[in-house]
Amino acid sequence: MARGGYRPGAGRPKGSGRKILPPAKLSAADVKDIVAAAGESPLAYMLRVMNNPEVDPSRRDRIAVAAAPFVHPRIEKATPSAKAEVEAKADDAMSKFAPRPAPKLVVDNAG
């Protein structure tokens, strides 16, 4: 029994389905013109919707979560001194498992 390979009539018929268009090629100047025509940045839009009391509260919550990384910087979890302290403790713990130095060999040519 043959499996796989070409079978007459198999596959998607030619001309069916959606046409795949090439991506639009916009220059940086075109993008700046589009943004200037809109008159509002995406962040400004999110903040405007978030601060509007007439908008659904669940939508306002979702927009607040999306806008937060752009408005507030991320808080560092550990200060540099705490990080150095943790690394020092790790080095102390690893010293138990460090390989021991090789024995010194003495050459005695007197005999």
Foldseek 3Di string as FASTA:
>chain_A
DDDDDDDPPDDDDPPDDDDDDDDDDDDPVRVVVVCVVVVDDPLRVLVVQLPDPVDDPVSNVVSCVVNVCVPDPDDDPDDPVVVVVVVVVVVVVCVVVDDDDDDDDDDDPPD
